[in-house]
Amino acid sequence: MVFSEAFEGDETIFQAPPIPPGILTVTDYEAFARERMGENAWAYISTGTADELTLRANREAFDRLRLEGRVLAEMSGAHTRLSLFGDEYEHPFLLAPVAFHRLVHPDGELATAFGASAIRAGMVVSTQASVTLEQVARQATSPLWFQLYMQHDRAFTAVLARRAEEAGYRALVVTVDAPVTLRNREQRAGFRLPAGIEAANLRGLTPPPPPRAEPHESEVFRGLLAGAATWKDIAWLRTVTRLPIVLKGIMSPADAARAVAEGLDGLIVSNHGGRALDTAPASIEALPRVAEAVAGRIPVLMDGGIRRGSDALKALALGAKAVLIGRPYIYGLAVGGPVGIAHVVKILRTELEIAMTLTGCPTLDAIDRSIIWERSQTG
């Protein structure tokens, strides 16, 4: 894929520095990204929660899975197309919601949307985006979903949902797994948003009052959880939007089964990229149990730790309809702007197609658990 060094979108002309020579894999971007992002942004984007055990587990779990190669399969007409909520996608890679893209690129989410559209990748726009959801919608030509954090002001939350609907977003992704967080590496780095960067979609929201706990009382239970969402709030959200509602952060089969019973439209198996509950299992470890509980009644997606196209193949084999990537495309954005994002997705798609060929799967529908080499087969 070749782009010029500057290309014009609806809102701006994006400057695209050349991709450094030698970048052949998604992980090759990481060292270059750290250098260009600086330590403040790096501390925010790369960190996990607490001791970062789950952050590491997301990768290690993929590495433990083995694939069974298949030969002489008929691959004529092979493709990676799929359908989600009435939209057609050319491949199963979506960009996960990540806050404050302007931390790593001056055009922020506008550059991301342009790169995603160039490679025809769906994009989930964060509530905490550094440009407004309407600006992103004007820039994008690929389908957009809006990631919604429930705000303490439910009326403001309803306005956010309606804004997304009016701007043409195709689904609401409600993140439910991080009502409180503990990110020690970010704390040690003293992370602060630079001047001029804000959660643009939250302008006009009155901040919640600070916790007023006495020294012997809990700030978590008496303040930080104020306004945290419950199942009742998810039911309420259904009354204020016509968009499909997807819950992000589901790791428990019990929660998955309840989501189906409550009429949710989709789930994303996710441990928040290792940024929520430490010592939780890797997303790929939780995926089969969640998929079994859902039993095909609604789409199940997954994020967390995907760095190779073969990782996506493993996720699809274990029950995911599609996968989301987070840090990899942010690193691509930091290094190469929209070109970096398109390049990251292109690498992953090509690797997926190679892995599909070598496991005898001409389409995504042909991928199933039989291509995972089970331990019992090794004797």
Protein backbone atom coordinates (compact mmCIF):
# COMPACT_ATOMS: atom_id res chain seq x y z
CA MET A 1 0.00 0.00 0.00
CA VAL A 2 1.48 3.33 -1.10
CA PHE A 3 0.39 6.80 0.01
CA SER A 4 1.81 10.22 -0.69
CA GLU A 5 3.40 12.07 2.23
CA ALA A 6 0.44 14.45 2.52
CA PHE A 7 -3.16 13.67 1.79
CA GLU A 8 -6.33 15.70 2.04
CA GLY A 9 -9.39 14.77 4.02
CA ASP A 10 -12.66 16.59 4.56
CA GLU A 11 -11.37 18.56 7.54
CA THR A 12 -7.62 18.94 7.11
CA ILE A 13 -4.52 17.99 5.14
CA PHE A 14 -2.72 15.24 7.00
CA GLN A 15 1.03 15.19 7.04
CA ALA A 16 2.26 11.60 6.84
CA PRO A 17 5.92 11.10 7.69
CA PRO A 18 7.51 8.19 5.84
CA ILE A 19 7.36 4.85 7.59
CA PRO A 20 10.84 4.01 8.94
CA PRO A 21 12.61 1.32 6.94
CA GLY A 22 12.62 -2.10 8.52
CA ILE A 23 9.08 -2.03 9.91
CA LEU A 24 7.69 -5.36 8.82
CA THR A 25 5.49 -6.34 11.76
CA VAL A 26 3.08 -4.55 14.06
CA THR A 27 5.46 -4.86 17.00
CA ASP A 28 8.22 -3.15 15.00
CA TYR A 29 6.29 0.09 15.49
CA GLU A 30 6.55 0.09 19.27
CA ALA A 31 10.11 1.36 19.76
CA PHE A 32 9.65 4.13 17.20
CA ALA A 33 6.35 5.11 18.80
CA ARG A 34 7.85 5.42 22.26
CA GLU A 35 10.53 7.75 20.94
CA ARG A 36 8.04 9.98 19.14
CA MET A 37 5.35 9.97 21.81
CA GLY A 38 7.50 11.02 24.74
CA GLU A 39 7.32 9.61 28.25
CA ASN A 40 4.09 11.37 29.29
CA ALA A 41 1.98 9.94 26.47
CA TRP A 42 3.81 6.63 26.66
CA ALA A 43 2.94 6.25 30.33
CA TYR A 44 -0.75 6.70 29.52
CA ILE A 45 -1.00 4.53 26.40
CA SER A 46 1.27 1.62 27.29
CA THR A 47 0.52 1.10 30.97
CA GLY A 48 -1.58 -1.62 32.54
CA THR A 49 -3.19 -1.85 35.93
CA ALA A 50 -1.38 -2.58 39.20
CA ASP A 51 1.47 -5.08 38.58
CA GLU A 52 0.51 -5.43 34.89
CA LEU A 53 0.17 -9.20 35.11
CA THR A 54 -2.95 -9.25 32.94
CA LEU A 55 -1.31 -6.89 30.45
CA ARG A 56 1.46 -9.45 29.96
CA ALA A 57 -0.94 -12.40 30.07
CA ASN A 58 -2.82 -11.09 27.03
CA ARG A 59 0.25 -11.75 24.90
CA GLU A 60 1.50 -14.87 26.65
CA ALA A 61 -1.84 -16.64 26.23
CA PHE A 62 -1.76 -16.19 22.46
CA ASP A 63 1.79 -17.52 22.33
CA ARG A 64 0.73 -20.72 24.11
CA LEU A 65 -1.95 -21.53 21.52
CA ARG A 66 -0.86 -23.68 18.59
CA LEU A 67 -2.45 -23.95 15.15
CA GLU A 68 -2.98 -27.14 13.18
CA GLY A 69 -1.80 -26.72 9.60
CA ARG A 70 -3.96 -28.11 6.81
CA VAL A 71 -2.79 -28.78 3.24
CA LEU A 72 -4.26 -29.04 -0.25
CA ALA A 73 -7.39 -27.08 0.64
CA GLU A 74 -9.44 -25.47 -2.12
CA MET A 75 -8.83 -21.72 -1.72
CA SER A 76 -10.40 -20.33 -4.89
CA GLY A 77 -12.68 -17.44 -4.03
CA ALA A 78 -11.08 -17.00 -0.61
CA HIS A 79 -11.94 -13.76 1.21
CA THR A 80 -12.15 -12.19 4.68
CA ARG A 81 -15.53 -10.46 4.36
CA LEU A 82 -18.10 -10.40 7.13
CA SER A 83 -21.27 -8.60 8.17
CA LEU A 84 -21.94 -6.83 11.48
CA PHE A 85 -25.19 -5.05 12.36
CA GLY A 86 -26.12 -4.71 8.72
CA ASP A 87 -22.78 -3.35 7.49
CA GLU A 88 -20.33 -5.24 5.31
CA TYR A 89 -16.64 -5.32 6.24
CA GLU A 90 -13.77 -6.51 4.10
CA HIS A 91 -11.82 -7.89 7.04
CA PRO A 92 -12.41 -8.58 10.76
CA PHE A 93 -10.11 -5.89 12.22
CA LEU A 94 -11.73 -2.92 13.96
CA LEU A 95 -10.00 -0.08 15.78
CA ALA A 96 -10.78 -0.25 19.49
CA PRO A 97 -11.76 2.86 21.45
CA VAL A 98 -8.70 4.68 22.79
CA ALA A 99 -8.88 8.11 24.40
CA PHE A 100 -7.02 11.29 23.43
CA HIS A 101 -5.43 10.48 20.06
CA ARG A 102 -4.01 14.01 19.98
CA LEU A 103 -1.54 12.82 22.61
CA VAL A 104 0.31 11.09 19.77
CA HIS A 105 -0.70 13.03 16.61
CA PRO A 106 -1.75 16.67 16.19
CA ASP A 107 -4.86 15.76 14.16
CA GLY A 108 -5.88 13.07 16.63
CA GLU A 109 -8.96 11.05 15.77
CA LEU A 110 -9.37 12.82 12.43
CA ALA A 111 -6.11 11.28 11.26
CA THR A 112 -7.19 7.94 12.71
CA ALA A 113 -10.51 8.03 10.88
CA PHE A 114 -8.78 8.84 7.61
CA GLY A 115 -6.32 5.98 8.00
CA ALA A 116 -9.09 3.57 9.01
CA SER A 117 -11.18 4.59 6.02
CA ALA A 118 -8.23 4.13 3.66
CA ILE A 119 -7.91 0.50 4.75
CA ARG A 120 -11.71 0.12 5.20
CA ALA A 121 -11.50 -0.71 8.88
CA GLY A 122 -14.35 -0.04 11.27
CA MET A 123 -13.51 2.39 14.07
CA VAL A 124 -14.90 2.67 17.59
CA VAL A 125 -14.65 6.31 18.69
CA SER A 126 -14.04 6.94 22.38
CA THR A 127 -16.23 9.09 24.61
CA GLN A 128 -12.88 10.64 25.59
CA ALA A 129 -11.82 11.42 22.03
CA SER A 130 -9.82 14.61 21.67
CA VAL A 131 -12.04 15.83 18.81
CA THR A 132 -15.83 15.66 18.70
CA LEU A 133 -17.72 12.64 17.48
CA GLU A 134 -19.33 14.80 14.78
CA GLN A 135 -15.93 15.84 13.39
CA VAL A 136 -14.85 12.21 13.21
CA ALA A 137 -18.08 11.27 11.45
CA ARG A 138 -17.51 13.93 8.78
CA GLN A 139 -14.03 12.54 8.15
CA ALA A 140 -14.77 8.81 8.05
CA THR A 141 -16.07 6.74 5.17
CA SER A 142 -15.87 3.39 6.98
CA PRO A 143 -18.50 2.44 9.58
CA LEU A 144 -18.17 4.09 12.98
CA TRP A 145 -19.30 2.85 16.37
CA PHE A 146 -19.37 5.12 19.42
CA GLN A 147 -17.91 3.94 22.70
CA LEU A 148 -20.05 5.25 25.54
CA TYR A 149 -19.02 5.66 29.13
CA MET A 150 -22.05 6.15 31.35
CA GLN A 151 -21.71 9.61 32.89
CA HIS A 152 -22.91 10.51 36.38
CA ASP A 153 -25.34 12.87 34.62
CA ARG A 154 -27.68 10.45 32.84
CA ALA A 155 -29.31 13.25 30.86
CA PHE A 156 -25.88 14.12 29.43
CA THR A 157 -25.36 10.43 28.66
CA ALA A 158 -28.61 10.37 26.71
CA VAL A 159 -27.48 13.42 24.74
CA LEU A 160 -24.23 11.63 23.84
CA ALA A 161 -26.16 8.62 22.59
CA ARG A 162 -28.46 10.80 20.48
CA ARG A 163 -25.53 12.77 19.07
CA ALA A 164 -23.92 9.52 17.94
CA GLU A 165 -27.16 8.37 16.36
CA GLU A 166 -27.68 11.67 14.53
CA ALA A 167 -24.07 11.70 13.29
CA GLY A 168 -24.50 8.31 11.62
CA TYR A 169 -22.75 5.98 14.04
CA ARG A 170 -23.81 2.37 13.59
CA ALA A 171 -23.66 1.04 17.17
CA LEU A 172 -23.06 2.06 20.78
CA VAL A 173 -20.26 0.26 22.59
CA VAL A 174 -20.78 0.61 26.34
CA THR A 175 -17.59 -0.03 28.30
CA VAL A 176 -18.61 -1.68 31.56
CA ASP A 177 -15.40 -3.07 33.07
CA ALA A 178 -13.61 -0.02 34.48
CA PRO A 179 -15.74 1.99 36.91
CA VAL A 180 -12.53 2.42 38.94
CA THR A 181 -8.89 1.90 37.95
CA LEU A 182 -5.42 1.60 39.51
CA ARG A 183 -2.56 2.35 37.10
CA ASN A 184 0.57 2.68 39.17
CA ARG A 185 3.03 3.18 36.31
CA GLU A 186 0.91 6.05 35.03
CA GLN A 187 0.83 7.51 38.56
CA ARG A 188 4.59 7.23 38.98
CA ALA A 189 5.12 9.04 35.68
CA GLY A 190 2.86 11.87 36.85
CA PHE A 191 0.77 11.73 33.68
CA ARG A 192 -1.11 14.92 32.83
CA LEU A 193 -3.06 15.92 29.75
CA PRO A 194 -1.07 18.58 27.89
CA ALA A 195 -2.61 22.01 27.43
CA GLY A 196 -5.10 22.08 24.58
CA ILE A 197 -6.06 18.40 24.78
CA GLU A 198 -9.41 17.53 26.33
CA ALA A 199 -12.28 15.08 26.16
CA ALA A 200 -14.04 17.07 23.44
CA ASN A 201 -17.29 15.11 23.65
CA LEU A 202 -17.68 15.94 27.34
CA ARG A 203 -17.67 19.72 26.98
CA GLY A 204 -20.47 21.14 29.07
CA LEU A 205 -20.59 18.22 31.51
CA THR A 206 -20.53 19.37 35.11
CA PRO A 207 -17.90 17.27 36.90
CA PRO A 208 -19.07 15.09 39.77
CA PRO A 209 -18.36 16.34 43.28
CA PRO A 210 -15.09 15.05 44.75
CA PRO A 211 -15.27 12.18 47.25
CA ARG A 212 -16.10 13.43 50.72
CA ALA A 213 -15.07 10.45 52.78
CA GLU A 214 -13.59 10.86 56.21
CA PRO A 215 -10.04 9.53 56.68
CA HIS A 216 -11.39 6.27 58.11
CA GLU A 217 -13.96 5.86 55.33
CA SER A 218 -13.67 4.45 51.80
CA GLU A 219 -13.17 6.94 48.98
CA VAL A 220 -13.98 4.17 46.51
CA PHE A 221 -17.36 3.19 47.90
CA ARG A 222 -18.33 6.67 49.10
CA GLY A 223 -17.29 8.67 46.08
CA LEU A 224 -15.52 7.11 43.12
CA LEU A 225 -18.39 4.76 42.36
CA ALA A 226 -20.95 7.55 42.26
CA GLY A 227 -22.75 7.27 38.95
CA ALA A 228 -21.29 3.86 38.09
CA ALA A 229 -23.52 1.94 35.69
CA THR A 230 -25.64 -1.09 36.62
CA TRP A 231 -27.82 -3.43 34.60
CA LYS A 232 -30.72 -1.03 35.20
CA ASP A 233 -28.79 1.70 33.40
CA ILE A 234 -28.20 -0.55 30.41
CA ALA A 235 -31.94 -1.21 30.24
CA TRP A 236 -32.56 2.54 30.47
CA LEU A 237 -30.11 3.20 27.63
CA ARG A 238 -32.20 0.98 25.36
CA THR A 239 -35.10 3.42 25.83
CA VAL A 240 -33.11 6.42 24.56
CA THR A 241 -31.45 4.98 21.44
CA ARG A 242 -32.33 2.92 18.40
CA LEU A 243 -28.71 1.86 17.84
CA PRO A 244 -27.46 -1.65 18.56
CA ILE A 245 -25.89 -1.79 22.03
CA VAL A 246 -22.69 -3.76 22.49
CA LEU A 247 -21.23 -4.35 25.96
CA LYS A 248 -17.44 -4.12 26.12
CA GLY A 249 -15.56 -5.71 28.98
CA ILE A 250 -17.39 -9.03 29.31
CA MET A 251 -15.17 -11.81 30.72
CA SER A 252 -17.72 -13.91 32.63
CA PRO A 253 -20.09 -16.46 31.07
CA ALA A 254 -22.70 -15.42 33.66
CA ASP A 255 -22.51 -11.80 32.51
CA ALA A 256 -22.65 -12.93 28.90
CA ALA A 257 -25.76 -15.00 29.51
CA ARG A 258 -27.43 -12.10 31.30
CA ALA A 259 -26.55 -9.73 28.46
CA VAL A 260 -28.32 -12.03 26.02
CA ALA A 261 -31.32 -12.28 28.33
CA GLU A 262 -31.41 -8.48 28.67
CA GLY A 263 -31.61 -8.10 24.89
CA LEU A 264 -28.15 -6.71 24.20
CA ASP A 265 -27.04 -6.81 20.59
CA GLY A 266 -23.40 -7.84 20.95
CA LEU A 267 -20.49 -8.38 23.35
CA ILE A 268 -16.79 -7.63 23.33
CA VAL A 269 -14.67 -9.99 25.40
CA SER A 270 -12.07 -7.66 26.86
CA ASN A 271 -10.05 -7.07 30.00
CA HIS A 272 -9.55 -3.44 28.96
CA GLY A 273 -6.13 -4.19 27.53
CA GLY A 274 -4.93 -5.18 30.99
CA ARG A 275 -5.92 -1.76 32.33
CA ALA A 276 -8.77 -2.73 34.70
CA LEU A 277 -8.62 -5.82 36.96
CA ASP A 278 -5.11 -7.21 37.40
CA THR A 279 -4.67 -11.01 37.55
CA ALA A 280 -7.80 -11.40 35.41
CA PRO A 281 -7.36 -14.00 32.67
CA ALA A 282 -6.25 -13.04 29.22
CA SER A 283 -9.10 -12.11 26.90
CA ILE A 284 -8.35 -15.06 24.62
CA GLU A 285 -8.62 -17.38 27.65
CA ALA A 286 -12.06 -16.01 28.57
CA LEU A 287 -13.35 -16.00 24.99
CA PRO A 288 -14.34 -19.68 24.60
CA ARG A 289 -16.43 -19.72 27.79
CA VAL A 290 -18.21 -16.50 26.84
CA ALA A 291 -18.83 -17.70 23.30
CA GLU A 292 -20.26 -20.95 24.66
CA ALA A 293 -22.63 -19.05 26.94
CA VAL A 294 -23.81 -16.86 24.07
CA ALA A 295 -24.22 -19.86 21.74
CA GLY A 296 -24.32 -17.75 18.59
CA ARG A 297 -27.35 -15.71 19.61
CA ILE A 298 -25.51 -12.38 19.29
CA PRO A 299 -22.10 -11.47 17.87
CA VAL A 300 -19.09 -11.87 20.15
CA LEU A 301 -15.96 -9.82 19.44
CA MET A 302 -12.64 -9.77 21.31
CA ASP A 303 -9.72 -7.46 22.04
CA GLY A 304 -6.54 -7.69 24.06
CA GLY A 305 -3.06 -8.75 22.97
CA ILE A 306 -3.52 -9.15 19.21
CA ARG A 307 -0.19 -8.48 17.50
CA ARG A 308 -0.29 -10.95 14.59
CA GLY A 309 -2.83 -11.98 12.01
CA SER A 310 -2.50 -15.50 13.39
CA ASP A 311 -3.71 -14.14 16.75
CA ALA A 312 -6.89 -12.98 15.03
CA LEU A 313 -7.27 -16.44 13.47
CA LYS A 314 -7.04 -18.02 16.93
CA ALA A 315 -9.69 -15.63 18.27
CA LEU A 316 -12.02 -16.39 15.37
CA ALA A 317 -11.47 -20.11 15.91
CA LEU A 318 -12.43 -19.79 19.58
CA GLY A 319 -15.69 -17.97 18.93
CA ALA A 320 -15.06 -14.33 17.98
CA LYS A 321 -16.86 -12.80 15.01
CA ALA A 322 -14.24 -10.04 14.70
CA VAL A 323 -11.37 -8.56 16.72
CA LEU A 324 -10.33 -5.10 17.84
CA ILE A 325 -6.83 -3.70 18.10
CA GLY A 326 -5.82 -0.84 20.39
CA ARG A 327 -2.20 -0.03 21.16
CA PRO A 328 -0.89 -1.30 17.78
CA TYR A 329 -2.79 1.28 15.75
CA ILE A 330 -1.97 4.06 18.24
CA TYR A 331 1.70 3.25 17.74
CA GLY A 332 1.13 3.35 13.99
CA LEU A 333 -0.58 6.73 14.36
CA ALA A 334 2.33 8.08 16.40
CA VAL A 335 4.91 6.96 13.85
CA GLY A 336 3.19 7.44 10.51
CA GLY A 337 -0.12 9.23 11.00
CA PRO A 338 -2.94 7.84 8.82
CA VAL A 339 -0.41 5.88 6.77
CA GLY A 340 0.83 4.17 9.92
CA ILE A 341 -2.69 3.11 10.85
CA ALA A 342 -3.43 1.75 7.38
CA HIS A 343 -0.08 -0.05 7.38
CA VAL A 344 -0.74 -1.71 10.75
CA VAL A 345 -4.11 -3.05 9.59
CA LYS A 346 -2.65 -4.10 6.24
CA ILE A 347 0.07 -6.11 7.98
CA LEU A 348 -2.46 -7.87 10.20
CA ARG A 349 -4.83 -8.61 7.33
CA THR A 350 -2.06 -10.06 5.19
CA GLU A 351 -0.86 -12.22 8.08
CA LEU A 352 -4.42 -13.41 8.68
CA GLU A 353 -4.81 -14.37 5.03
CA ILE A 354 -1.55 -16.32 5.15
CA ALA A 355 -2.63 -18.12 8.33
CA MET A 356 -6.04 -18.92 6.79
CA THR A 357 -4.33 -20.38 3.74
CA LEU A 358 -2.00 -22.55 5.82
CA THR A 359 -4.87 -23.85 7.96
CA GLY A 360 -7.16 -24.50 4.99
CA CYS A 361 -9.78 -21.85 5.74
CA PRO A 362 -10.94 -19.95 2.63
CA THR A 363 -13.45 -17.79 4.52
CA LEU A 364 -14.01 -16.57 8.06
CA ASP A 365 -17.03 -18.88 8.33
CA ALA A 366 -14.74 -21.85 7.69
CA ILE A 367 -12.63 -21.07 10.76
CA ASP A 368 -13.51 -23.19 13.78
CA ARG A 369 -11.93 -24.70 16.85
CA SER A 370 -10.64 -27.72 14.92
CA ILE A 371 -7.65 -25.66 13.73
CA ILE A 372 -6.49 -25.14 17.33
CA TRP A 373 -3.98 -27.85 18.21
CA GLU A 374 -5.35 -29.28 21.44
CA ARG A 375 -2.92 -30.44 24.12
CA SER A 376 -4.40 -33.92 24.08
CA GLN A 377 -3.14 -34.32 20.52
CA THR A 378 0.47 -33.96 21.62
CA GLY A 379 0.32 -37.13 23.73
